[in-house]
């Protein structure tokens, strides 16, 4: 799930946001604090099979997996400028509390690859231990090369009435909790890899331990490739943080937001949008 926050021109920036809640690729609804509802559009694309081409282990319980597209499909989405999300379908053999077979499970994933990538797409997936009602991530991570993922492209996600992300705001802040980095990496790539887009991106990745930081190599490379447009910060929440750690410590604070994220519009009149992605508790904490 991802939260959209549009920073207002107010000195009490930590409390003055308009909140938008968006369930990735699925049901859209606006939080009560917002007077502008997000909406969704239906997609005509049906369920497809995507063969696994390659896989790399990112951490002890997460994998980066590259899937191929159907032969008649150039891009995963219908428009290579727009963020994509896929609903993965998994026929589970797990039993529920009443000892009945769970059956078909669905879970949404946003690719970390640019939507303009041809013939393939990449997913970052965490292999949670299978439990009744879950197990999709574990099933994906245990796929062997040559086996296929079954899924359906989700509807376009509208942000303030448009699915477009690039060239809409002067500054964008991305706040990721753990695997919440996946959809935000895709947004960053859409913006940064467009030579005609001068939007500045501020990325804050929050994880328990340093070895839990997903996509760190790729994130740091993006920062090197776009030194004037991408600012990256990391924060750790664990107990055994090395003494020479140069990043932030903690799940989030007003000072962290002020230092790691773009300023509100009141500073210079430029527009700012903040995207937050993580667990329900993580989103609630950052929403204030």
C-alpha atoms as a PDB file:
ATOM      1  CA  UNK A   1       0.000   0.000   0.000  1.00  0.00           C
ATOM      2  CA  UNK A   2       1.155   3.501  -0.742  1.00  0.00           C
ATOM      3  CA  UNK A   3       0.235   6.856   0.712  1.00  0.00           C
ATOM      4  CA  UNK A   4       0.414  10.131  -1.168  1.00  0.00           C
ATOM      5  CA  UNK A   5       1.079  13.289   0.814  1.00  0.00           C
ATOM      6  CA  UNK A   6       0.980  16.718  -0.765  1.00  0.00           C
ATOM      7  CA  UNK A   7       2.954  19.131   1.412  1.00  0.00           C
ATOM      8  CA  UNK A   8       1.150  22.373   2.100  1.00  0.00           C
ATOM      9  CA  UNK A   9       2.588  25.828   2.519  1.00  0.00           C
ATOM     10  CA  UNK A  10       2.521  25.883   6.320  1.00  0.00           C
ATOM     11  CA  UNK A  11       5.280  26.247   8.900  1.00  0.00           C
ATOM     12  CA  UNK A  12       3.944  23.282  10.870  1.00  0.00           C
ATOM     13  CA  UNK A  13       4.767  20.989   7.970  1.00  0.00           C
ATOM     14  CA  UNK A  14       4.780  17.817  10.039  1.00  0.00           C
ATOM     15  CA  UNK A  15       1.014  18.153  10.613  1.00  0.00           C
ATOM     16  CA  UNK A  16      -0.109  19.965   7.488  1.00  0.00           C
ATOM     17  CA  UNK A  17      -0.487  17.373   4.748  1.00  0.00           C
ATOM     18  CA  UNK A  18      -3.289  16.245   2.526  1.00  0.00           C
ATOM     19  CA  UNK A  19      -3.392  12.466   2.749  1.00  0.00           C
ATOM     20  CA  UNK A  20      -4.198  10.092  -0.071  1.00  0.00           C
ATOM     21  CA  UNK A  21      -4.382   6.351   0.461  1.00  0.00           C
ATOM     22  CA  UNK A  22      -3.965   4.058  -2.521  1.00  0.00           C
ATOM     23  CA  UNK A  23      -4.041   0.302  -2.376  1.00  0.00           C
ATOM     24  CA  UNK A  24      -1.557  -0.611  -5.074  1.00  0.00           C
ATOM     25  CA  UNK A  25      -3.333  -1.614  -8.231  1.00  0.00           C
ATOM     26  CA  UNK A  26      -6.639  -2.248  -6.538  1.00  0.00           C
ATOM     27  CA  UNK A  27      -9.359  -0.503  -4.603  1.00  0.00           C
ATOM     28  CA  UNK A  28      -8.816   3.230  -4.290  1.00  0.00           C
ATOM     29  CA  UNK A  29     -10.261   5.378  -1.546  1.00  0.00           C
ATOM     30  CA  UNK A  30      -9.436   8.751  -0.084  1.00  0.00           C
ATOM     31  CA  UNK A  31      -8.756   9.167   3.601  1.00  0.00           C
ATOM     32  CA  UNK A  32     -11.295  11.346   5.389  1.00  0.00           C
ATOM     33  CA  UNK A  33      -8.867  14.245   5.661  1.00  0.00           C
ATOM     34  CA  UNK A  34      -8.926  14.630   1.899  1.00  0.00           C
ATOM     35  CA  UNK A  35     -11.681  16.253  -0.085  1.00  0.00           C
ATOM     36  CA  UNK A  36     -10.313  14.843  -3.328  1.00  0.00           C
ATOM     37  CA  UNK A  37     -10.884  11.136  -3.886  1.00  0.00           C
ATOM     38  CA  UNK A  38      -8.526   8.957  -5.860  1.00  0.00           C
ATOM     39  CA  UNK A  39     -10.219   6.815  -8.475  1.00  0.00           C
ATOM     40  CA  UNK A  40      -9.378   3.813 -10.610  1.00  0.00           C
ATOM     41  CA  UNK A  41      -9.833   2.695 -14.165  1.00  0.00           C
ATOM     42  CA  UNK A  42     -10.445  -0.859 -15.338  1.00  0.00           C
ATOM     43  CA  UNK A  43      -7.985  -2.707 -17.528  1.00  0.00           C
ATOM     44  CA  UNK A  44      -8.948  -4.939 -20.423  1.00  0.00           C
ATOM     45  CA  UNK A  45      -5.897  -7.124 -20.018  1.00  0.00           C
ATOM     46  CA  UNK A  46      -6.585 -10.612 -18.653  1.00  0.00           C
ATOM     47  CA  UNK A  47      -4.560 -13.168 -16.725  1.00  0.00           C
ATOM     48  CA  UNK A  48      -1.222 -14.096 -18.327  1.00  0.00           C
ATOM     49  CA  UNK A  49       1.731 -16.364 -17.638  1.00  0.00           C
ATOM     50  CA  UNK A  50       5.185 -14.807 -17.235  1.00  0.00           C
ATOM     51  CA  UNK A  51       8.180 -17.199 -17.365  1.00  0.00           C
ATOM     52  CA  UNK A  52      10.991 -16.689 -14.849  1.00  0.00           C
ATOM     53  CA  UNK A  53      14.199 -15.867 -16.733  1.00  0.00           C
ATOM     54  CA  UNK A  54      16.646 -15.064 -13.904  1.00  0.00           C
ATOM     55  CA  UNK A  55      16.686 -14.611 -10.135  1.00  0.00           C
ATOM     56  CA  UNK A  56      19.125 -13.096  -7.616  1.00  0.00           C
ATOM     57  CA  UNK A  57      18.985 -13.246  -3.829  1.00  0.00           C
ATOM     58  CA  UNK A  58      18.853  -9.739  -2.332  1.00  0.00           C
ATOM     59  CA  UNK A  59      18.862 -10.675   1.356  1.00  0.00           C
ATOM     60  CA  UNK A  60      18.310 -13.741   3.518  1.00  0.00           C
ATOM     61  CA  UNK A  61      14.577 -13.653   2.767  1.00  0.00           C
ATOM     62  CA  UNK A  62      14.115 -11.589  -0.393  1.00  0.00           C
ATOM     63  CA  UNK A  63      14.750 -12.117  -4.097  1.00  0.00           C
ATOM     64  CA  UNK A  64      14.985 -10.077  -7.267  1.00  0.00           C
ATOM     65  CA  UNK A  65      13.267 -11.975 -10.086  1.00  0.00           C
ATOM     66  CA  UNK A  66      13.163 -11.201 -13.815  1.00  0.00           C
ATOM     67  CA  UNK A  67      10.165 -12.398 -15.807  1.00  0.00           C
ATOM     68  CA  UNK A  68       9.553 -12.502 -19.541  1.00  0.00           C
ATOM     69  CA  UNK A  69       6.471 -11.091 -21.240  1.00  0.00           C
ATOM     70  CA  UNK A  70       4.143 -12.933 -23.634  1.00  0.00           C
ATOM     71  CA  UNK A  71       5.534 -12.951 -27.181  1.00  0.00           C
ATOM     72  CA  UNK A  72       2.934 -10.452 -28.408  1.00  0.00           C
ATOM     73  CA  UNK A  73       3.586  -7.980 -25.583  1.00  0.00           C
ATOM     74  CA  UNK A  74       6.358  -5.350 -25.732  1.00  0.00           C
ATOM     75  CA  UNK A  75       5.746  -3.679 -22.357  1.00  0.00           C
ATOM     76  CA  UNK A  76       4.124  -4.935 -19.185  1.00  0.00           C
ATOM     77  CA  UNK A  77       1.722  -1.988 -19.089  1.00  0.00           C
ATOM     78  CA  UNK A  78      -0.394  -0.256 -21.687  1.00  0.00           C
ATOM     79  CA  UNK A  79       1.666   2.961 -21.571  1.00  0.00           C
ATOM     80  CA  UNK A  80       5.452   2.886 -20.942  1.00  0.00           C
ATOM     81  CA  UNK A  81       5.244   6.272 -19.190  1.00  0.00           C
ATOM     82  CA  UNK A  82       2.996   5.020 -16.392  1.00  0.00           C
ATOM     83  CA  UNK A  83       3.793   3.051 -13.204  1.00  0.00           C
ATOM     84  CA  UNK A  84       2.698  -0.578 -13.337  1.00  0.00           C
ATOM     85  CA  UNK A  85       1.416  -3.096 -10.830  1.00  0.00           C
ATOM     86  CA  UNK A  86       0.614  -6.764 -11.249  1.00  0.00           C
ATOM     87  CA  UNK A  87      -1.742  -8.966  -9.253  1.00  0.00           C
ATOM     88  CA  UNK A  88      -0.047 -12.340  -8.789  1.00  0.00           C
ATOM     89  CA  UNK A  89      -2.360 -15.361  -8.602  1.00  0.00           C
ATOM     90  CA  UNK A  90      -1.280 -18.397  -6.585  1.00  0.00           C
ATOM     91  CA  UNK A  91      -3.267 -21.593  -6.103  1.00  0.00           C
ATOM     92  CA  UNK A  92      -2.417 -22.421  -2.508  1.00  0.00           C
ATOM     93  CA  UNK A  93      -2.479 -25.893  -0.955  1.00  0.00           C
ATOM     94  CA  UNK A  94      -2.591 -24.396   2.545  1.00  0.00           C
ATOM     95  CA  UNK A  95      -5.519 -25.097   4.841  1.00  0.00           C
ATOM     96  CA  UNK A  96      -7.479 -22.465   6.763  1.00  0.00           C
ATOM     97  CA  UNK A  97      -8.434 -22.658  10.464  1.00  0.00           C
ATOM     98  CA  UNK A  98     -11.388 -24.903   9.561  1.00  0.00           C
ATOM     99  CA  UNK A  99      -9.097 -27.295   7.678  1.00  0.00           C
ATOM    100  CA  UNK A 100     -10.467 -26.232   4.294  1.00  0.00           C
ATOM    101  CA  UNK A 101      -8.138 -25.623   1.362  1.00  0.00           C
ATOM    102  CA  UNK A 102      -7.440 -21.917   0.942  1.00  0.00           C
ATOM    103  CA  UNK A 103      -7.421 -22.072  -2.861  1.00  0.00           C
ATOM    104  CA  UNK A 104      -6.580 -19.073  -5.043  1.00  0.00           C
ATOM    105  CA  UNK A 105      -4.586 -16.299  -3.392  1.00  0.00           C
ATOM    106  CA  UNK A 106      -3.830 -12.889  -4.918  1.00  0.00           C
ATOM    107  CA  UNK A 107      -1.208 -10.332  -3.998  1.00  0.00           C
ATOM    108  CA  UNK A 108      -0.140  -7.141  -5.770  1.00  0.00           C
ATOM    109  CA  UNK A 109       3.466  -6.298  -6.644  1.00  0.00           C
ATOM    110  CA  UNK A 110       4.922  -3.214  -8.298  1.00  0.00           C
ATOM    111  CA  UNK A 111       7.895  -3.946 -10.575  1.00  0.00           C
ATOM    112  CA  UNK A 112      11.157  -2.220  -9.745  1.00  0.00           C
ATOM    113  CA  UNK A 113      12.003  -1.987 -13.440  1.00  0.00           C
ATOM    114  CA  UNK A 114      11.120   1.006 -15.592  1.00  0.00           C
ATOM    115  CA  UNK A 115       7.738   0.485 -17.298  1.00  0.00           C
ATOM    116  CA  UNK A 116       9.428   1.206 -20.627  1.00  0.00           C
ATOM    117  CA  UNK A 117      11.612  -1.904 -20.225  1.00  0.00           C
ATOM    118  CA  UNK A 118      10.970  -4.121 -23.227  1.00  0.00           C
ATOM    119  CA  UNK A 119      10.109  -7.840 -23.065  1.00  0.00           C
ATOM    120  CA  UNK A 120      10.830  -8.244 -19.323  1.00  0.00           C
ATOM    121  CA  UNK A 121       9.981  -6.876 -15.872  1.00  0.00           C
ATOM    122  CA  UNK A 122      11.639  -7.267 -12.464  1.00  0.00           C
ATOM    123  CA  UNK A 123       9.986  -7.933  -9.106  1.00  0.00           C
ATOM    124  CA  UNK A 124      11.449  -7.539  -5.626  1.00  0.00           C
ATOM    125  CA  UNK A 125       9.756 -10.150  -3.427  1.00  0.00           C
ATOM    126  CA  UNK A 126      10.069 -11.094   0.228  1.00  0.00           C
ATOM    127  CA  UNK A 127       9.579 -14.776   1.067  1.00  0.00           C
ATOM    128  CA  UNK A 128       7.373 -14.595   4.127  1.00  0.00           C
ATOM    129  CA  UNK A 129       6.758 -17.938   5.840  1.00  0.00           C
ATOM    130  CA  UNK A 130       3.518 -19.361   4.393  1.00  0.00           C
ATOM    131  CA  UNK A 131       0.483 -19.037   6.698  1.00  0.00           C
ATOM    132  CA  UNK A 132      -3.233 -19.568   6.023  1.00  0.00           C
ATOM    133  CA  UNK A 133      -4.321 -16.735   3.739  1.00  0.00           C
ATOM    134  CA  UNK A 134      -0.736 -16.012   2.666  1.00  0.00           C
ATOM    135  CA  UNK A 135       2.250 -17.611   0.993  1.00  0.00           C
ATOM    136  CA  UNK A 136       2.284 -15.792  -2.356  1.00  0.00           C
ATOM    137  CA  UNK A 137       5.710 -14.248  -1.757  1.00  0.00           C
ATOM    138  CA  UNK A 138       7.209 -17.573  -0.700  1.00  0.00           C
ATOM    139  CA  UNK A 139       5.775 -19.256  -3.797  1.00  0.00           C
ATOM    140  CA  UNK A 140       7.253 -16.607  -6.105  1.00  0.00           C
ATOM    141  CA  UNK A 141      10.691 -16.774  -4.486  1.00  0.00           C
ATOM    142  CA  UNK A 142      10.728 -20.561  -4.824  1.00  0.00           C
ATOM    143  CA  UNK A 143      10.034 -20.510  -8.556  1.00  0.00           C
ATOM    144  CA  UNK A 144      12.752 -22.095 -10.654  1.00  0.00           C
ATOM    145  CA  UNK A 145      14.021 -20.580 -13.896  1.00  0.00           C
ATOM    146  CA  UNK A 146      11.655 -21.705 -16.632  1.00  0.00           C
ATOM    147  CA  UNK A 147       8.621 -21.882 -14.357  1.00  0.00           C
ATOM    148  CA  UNK A 148       5.934 -19.223 -14.747  1.00  0.00           C
ATOM    149  CA  UNK A 149       4.234 -16.651 -12.583  1.00  0.00           C
ATOM    150  CA  UNK A 150       0.522 -16.189 -13.251  1.00  0.00           C
ATOM    151  CA  UNK A 151      -0.931 -12.739 -12.860  1.00  0.00           C
ATOM    152  CA  UNK A 152      -2.951  -9.855 -14.186  1.00  0.00           C
ATOM    153  CA  UNK A 153      -1.977  -6.259 -14.848  1.00  0.00           C
ATOM    154  CA  UNK A 154      -3.736  -3.971 -12.377  1.00  0.00           C
ATOM    155  CA  UNK A 155      -5.628  -0.804 -13.209  1.00  0.00           C
ATOM    156  CA  UNK A 156      -3.823   2.505 -13.607  1.00  0.00           C
ATOM    157  CA  UNK A 157      -3.349   4.354 -10.324  1.00  0.00           C
ATOM    158  CA  UNK A 158      -4.545   7.948 -10.358  1.00  0.00           C
ATOM    159  CA  UNK A 159      -2.738  10.587  -8.308  1.00  0.00           C
ATOM    160  CA  UNK A 160      -4.699  13.826  -8.113  1.00  0.00           C
ATOM    161  CA  UNK A 161      -6.693  12.819 -11.175  1.00  0.00           C
ATOM    162  CA  UNK A 162      -3.888  11.610 -13.446  1.00  0.00           C
ATOM    163  CA  UNK A 163      -1.831   8.400 -13.746  1.00  0.00           C
ATOM    164  CA  UNK A 164       1.220  10.374 -14.908  1.00  0.00           C
ATOM    165  CA  UNK A 165       4.061  10.918 -12.442  1.00  0.00           C
ATOM    166  CA  UNK A 166       6.716  12.764 -14.424  1.00  0.00           C
ATOM    167  CA  UNK A 167       6.865  16.553 -14.850  1.00  0.00           C
ATOM    168  CA  UNK A 168       4.013  17.208 -12.412  1.00  0.00           C
ATOM    169  CA  UNK A 169       5.849  18.496  -9.344  1.00  0.00           C
ATOM    170  CA  UNK A 170       9.118  20.350  -8.802  1.00  0.00           C
ATOM    171  CA  UNK A 171      10.152  17.981  -6.014  1.00  0.00           C
ATOM    172  CA  UNK A 172       9.159  14.470  -4.992  1.00  0.00           C
ATOM    173  CA  UNK A 173       9.884  12.764  -1.677  1.00  0.00           C
ATOM    174  CA  UNK A 174       9.878   8.962  -1.436  1.00  0.00           C
ATOM    175  CA  UNK A 175       9.645   7.353   2.021  1.00  0.00           C
ATOM    176  CA  UNK A 176      10.110   3.577   1.988  1.00  0.00           C
ATOM    177  CA  UNK A 177       9.742   1.109   4.827  1.00  0.00           C
ATOM    178  CA  UNK A 178      11.476  -2.192   4.004  1.00  0.00           C
ATOM    179  CA  UNK A 179      10.066  -3.767   0.834  1.00  0.00           C
ATOM    180  CA  UNK A 180       8.015  -0.596   0.352  1.00  0.00           C
ATOM    181  CA  UNK A 181      11.021   0.501  -1.687  1.00  0.00           C
ATOM    182  CA  UNK A 182       9.772  -1.476  -4.723  1.00  0.00           C
ATOM    183  CA  UNK A 183       7.051   0.844  -6.113  1.00  0.00           C
ATOM    184  CA  UNK A 184       9.084   3.903  -5.139  1.00  0.00           C
ATOM    185  CA  UNK A 185      12.124   2.733  -7.097  1.00  0.00           C
ATOM    186  CA  UNK A 186       9.899   2.476 -10.150  1.00  0.00           C
ATOM    187  CA  UNK A 187       8.667   6.053  -9.634  1.00  0.00           C
ATOM    188  CA  UNK A 188      12.240   7.296  -9.218  1.00  0.00           C
ATOM    189  CA  UNK A 189      13.330   5.612 -12.435  1.00  0.00           C
ATOM    190  CA  UNK A 190      10.417   7.043 -14.400  1.00  0.00           C
ATOM    191  CA  UNK A 191      11.390  10.547 -13.318  1.00  0.00           C
ATOM    192  CA  UNK A 192      15.178  10.315 -13.356  1.00  0.00           C
ATOM    193  CA  UNK A 193      15.519   8.487 -16.666  1.00  0.00           C
ATOM    194  CA  UNK A 194      13.519  11.117 -18.533  1.00  0.00           C
ATOM    195  CA  UNK A 195      16.068  13.655 -19.855  1.00  0.00           C
ATOM    196  CA  UNK A 196      13.313  16.230 -20.252  1.00  0.00           C
ATOM    197  CA  UNK A 197      12.185  16.001 -16.620  1.00  0.00           C
ATOM    198  CA  UNK A 198      14.020  18.191 -14.082  1.00  0.00           C
ATOM    199  CA  UNK A 199      12.050  17.049 -11.002  1.00  0.00           C
ATOM    200  CA  UNK A 200      14.274  16.578  -7.954  1.00  0.00           C
ATOM    201  CA  UNK A 201      13.820  13.328  -6.012  1.00  0.00           C
ATOM    202  CA  UNK A 202      14.474  12.774  -2.306  1.00  0.00           C
ATOM    203  CA  UNK A 203      14.546   9.110  -1.260  1.00  0.00           C
ATOM    204  CA  UNK A 204      14.444   7.993   2.387  1.00  0.00           C
ATOM    205  CA  UNK A 205      14.804   4.225   2.933  1.00  0.00           C
ATOM    206  CA  UNK A 206      14.060   2.974   6.477  1.00  0.00           C
ATOM    207  CA  UNK A 207      15.069  -0.545   7.535  1.00  0.00           C
ATOM    208  CA  UNK A 208      15.739  -2.489  10.728  1.00  0.00           C
ATOM    209  CA  UNK A 209      19.393  -3.347  10.068  1.00  0.00           C
ATOM    210  CA  UNK A 210      21.993  -2.269   7.558  1.00  0.00           C
ATOM    211  CA  UNK A 211      22.024  -5.680   5.871  1.00  0.00           C
ATOM    212  CA  UNK A 212      18.232  -5.395   5.455  1.00  0.00           C
ATOM    213  CA  UNK A 213      18.519  -2.393   3.118  1.00  0.00           C
ATOM    214  CA  UNK A 214      17.047  -3.683  -0.125  1.00  0.00           C
ATOM    215  CA  UNK A 215      18.209  -2.385  -3.507  1.00  0.00           C
ATOM    216  CA  UNK A 216      20.992  -0.392  -1.839  1.00  0.00           C
ATOM    217  CA  UNK A 217      23.483  -1.002  -4.640  1.00  0.00           C
ATOM    218  CA  UNK A 218      20.946   0.038  -7.264  1.00  0.00           C
ATOM    219  CA  UNK A 219      19.838   3.081  -5.256  1.00  0.00           C
ATOM    220  CA  UNK A 220      23.404   4.273  -4.732  1.00  0.00           C
ATOM    221  CA  UNK A 221      24.097   3.820  -8.448  1.00  0.00           C
ATOM    222  CA  UNK A 222      21.051   5.932  -9.307  1.00  0.00           C
ATOM    223  CA  UNK A 223      22.402   8.634  -6.994  1.00  0.00           C
ATOM    224  CA  UNK A 224      25.773   8.512  -8.770  1.00  0.00           C
ATOM    225  CA  UNK A 225      24.091   8.686 -12.169  1.00  0.00           C
ATOM    226  CA  UNK A 226      21.912  11.642 -11.142  1.00  0.00           C
ATOM    227  CA  UNK A 227      23.930  13.588  -8.532  1.00  0.00           C
ATOM    228  CA  UNK A 228      22.024  16.838  -9.051  1.00  0.00           C
ATOM    229  CA  UNK A 229      18.548  15.321  -9.022  1.00  0.00           C
ATOM    230  CA  UNK A 230      18.533  12.466  -6.508  1.00  0.00           C
ATOM    231  CA  UNK A 231      19.201  12.794  -2.791  1.00  0.00           C
ATOM    232  CA  UNK A 232      19.339   9.485  -0.862  1.00  0.00           C
ATOM    233  CA  UNK A 233      19.107   8.946   2.903  1.00  0.00           C
ATOM    234  CA  UNK A 234      18.969   5.778   5.001  1.00  0.00           C
ATOM    235  CA  UNK A 235      17.675   5.183   8.509  1.00  0.00           C
ATOM    236  CA  UNK A 236      18.003   2.124  10.757  1.00  0.00           C
ATOM    237  CA  UNK A 237      15.645   1.073  13.543  1.00  0.00           C
ATOM    238  CA  UNK A 238      17.489  -1.955  14.984  1.00  0.00           C
ATOM    239  CA  UNK A 239      19.396  -2.214  18.251  1.00  0.00           C
ATOM    240  CA  UNK A 240      22.897  -3.144  17.078  1.00  0.00           C
ATOM    241  CA  UNK A 241      23.796  -0.189  14.892  1.00  0.00           C
ATOM    242  CA  UNK A 242      27.526   0.284  14.324  1.00  0.00           C
ATOM    243  CA  UNK A 243      29.038   3.338  15.985  1.00  0.00           C
ATOM    244  CA  UNK A 244      30.274   4.838  12.708  1.00  0.00           C
ATOM    245  CA  UNK A 245      26.869   4.592  10.964  1.00  0.00           C
ATOM    246  CA  UNK A 246      26.421   7.877   9.066  1.00  0.00           C
ATOM    247  CA  UNK A 247      22.707   7.621   8.345  1.00  0.00           C
ATOM    248  CA  UNK A 248      19.657   8.368  10.477  1.00  0.00           C
ATOM    249  CA  UNK A 249      18.433   6.280  13.398  1.00  0.00           C
ATOM    250  CA  UNK A 250      14.745   5.663  14.008  1.00  0.00           C
ATOM    251  CA  UNK A 251      11.519   4.967  12.171  1.00  0.00           C
ATOM    252  CA  UNK A 252      10.830   8.621  11.520  1.00  0.00           C
ATOM    253  CA  UNK A 253      10.648  12.039  13.147  1.00  0.00           C
ATOM    254  CA  UNK A 254       9.931  15.659  12.327  1.00  0.00           C
ATOM    255  CA  UNK A 255      13.653  16.398  12.133  1.00  0.00           C
ATOM    256  CA  UNK A 256      14.215  13.429   9.829  1.00  0.00           C
ATOM    257  CA  UNK A 257      11.416  14.622   7.539  1.00  0.00           C
ATOM    258  CA  UNK A 258      12.792  18.146   7.450  1.00  0.00           C
ATOM    259  CA  UNK A 259      16.347  17.026   6.668  1.00  0.00           C
ATOM    260  CA  UNK A 260      15.789  14.070   4.338  1.00  0.00           C
ATOM    261  CA  UNK A 261      12.704  15.192   2.400  1.00  0.00           C
ATOM    262  CA  UNK A 262      11.976  18.217   0.201  1.00  0.00           C
ATOM    263  CA  UNK A 263      10.680  21.393   1.845  1.00  0.00           C
ATOM    264  CA  UNK A 264       7.030  22.500   1.685  1.00  0.00           C
ATOM    265  CA  UNK A 265       5.906  24.937  -0.992  1.00  0.00           C
ATOM    266  CA  UNK A 266       5.954  27.856   1.439  1.00  0.00           C
ATOM    267  CA  UNK A 267       9.747  27.919   1.302  1.00  0.00           C
ATOM    268  CA  UNK A 268      10.019  28.945  -2.335  1.00  0.00           C
ATOM    269  CA  UNK A 269       6.647  28.427  -3.988  1.00  0.00           C
ATOM    270  CA  UNK A 270       7.728  25.229  -5.756  1.00  0.00           C
ATOM    271  CA  UNK A 271       5.421  22.210  -5.643  1.00  0.00           C
ATOM    272  CA  UNK A 272       6.217  19.161  -3.521  1.00  0.00           C
ATOM    273  CA  UNK A 273       4.664  15.673  -3.420  1.00  0.00           C
ATOM    274  CA  UNK A 274       5.520  12.951  -0.894  1.00  0.00           C
ATOM    275  CA  UNK A 275       4.937   9.219  -1.507  1.00  0.00           C
ATOM    276  CA  UNK A 276       5.036   6.801   1.432  1.00  0.00           C
ATOM    277  CA  UNK A 277       5.050   3.012   1.075  1.00  0.00           C
ATOM    278  CA  UNK A 278       5.292   0.397   3.809  1.00  0.00           C
ATOM    279  CA  UNK A 279       3.207  -1.512   6.310  1.00  0.00           C
ATOM    280  CA  UNK A 280      -0.041  -0.104   7.677  1.00  0.00           C
ATOM    281  CA  UNK A 281       1.695   0.959  10.882  1.00  0.00           C
ATOM    282  CA  UNK A 282       4.529   2.607   8.949  1.00  0.00           C
ATOM    283  CA  UNK A 283       2.105   4.620   6.812  1.00  0.00           C
ATOM    284  CA  UNK A 284       0.034   5.624   9.824  1.00  0.00           C
ATOM    285  CA  UNK A 285       3.117   6.808  11.681  1.00  0.00           C
ATOM    286  CA  UNK A 286       4.270   8.979   8.785  1.00  0.00           C
ATOM    287  CA  UNK A 287       0.751  10.313   8.182  1.00  0.00           C
ATOM    288  CA  UNK A 288       0.687  11.798  11.693  1.00  0.00           C
END
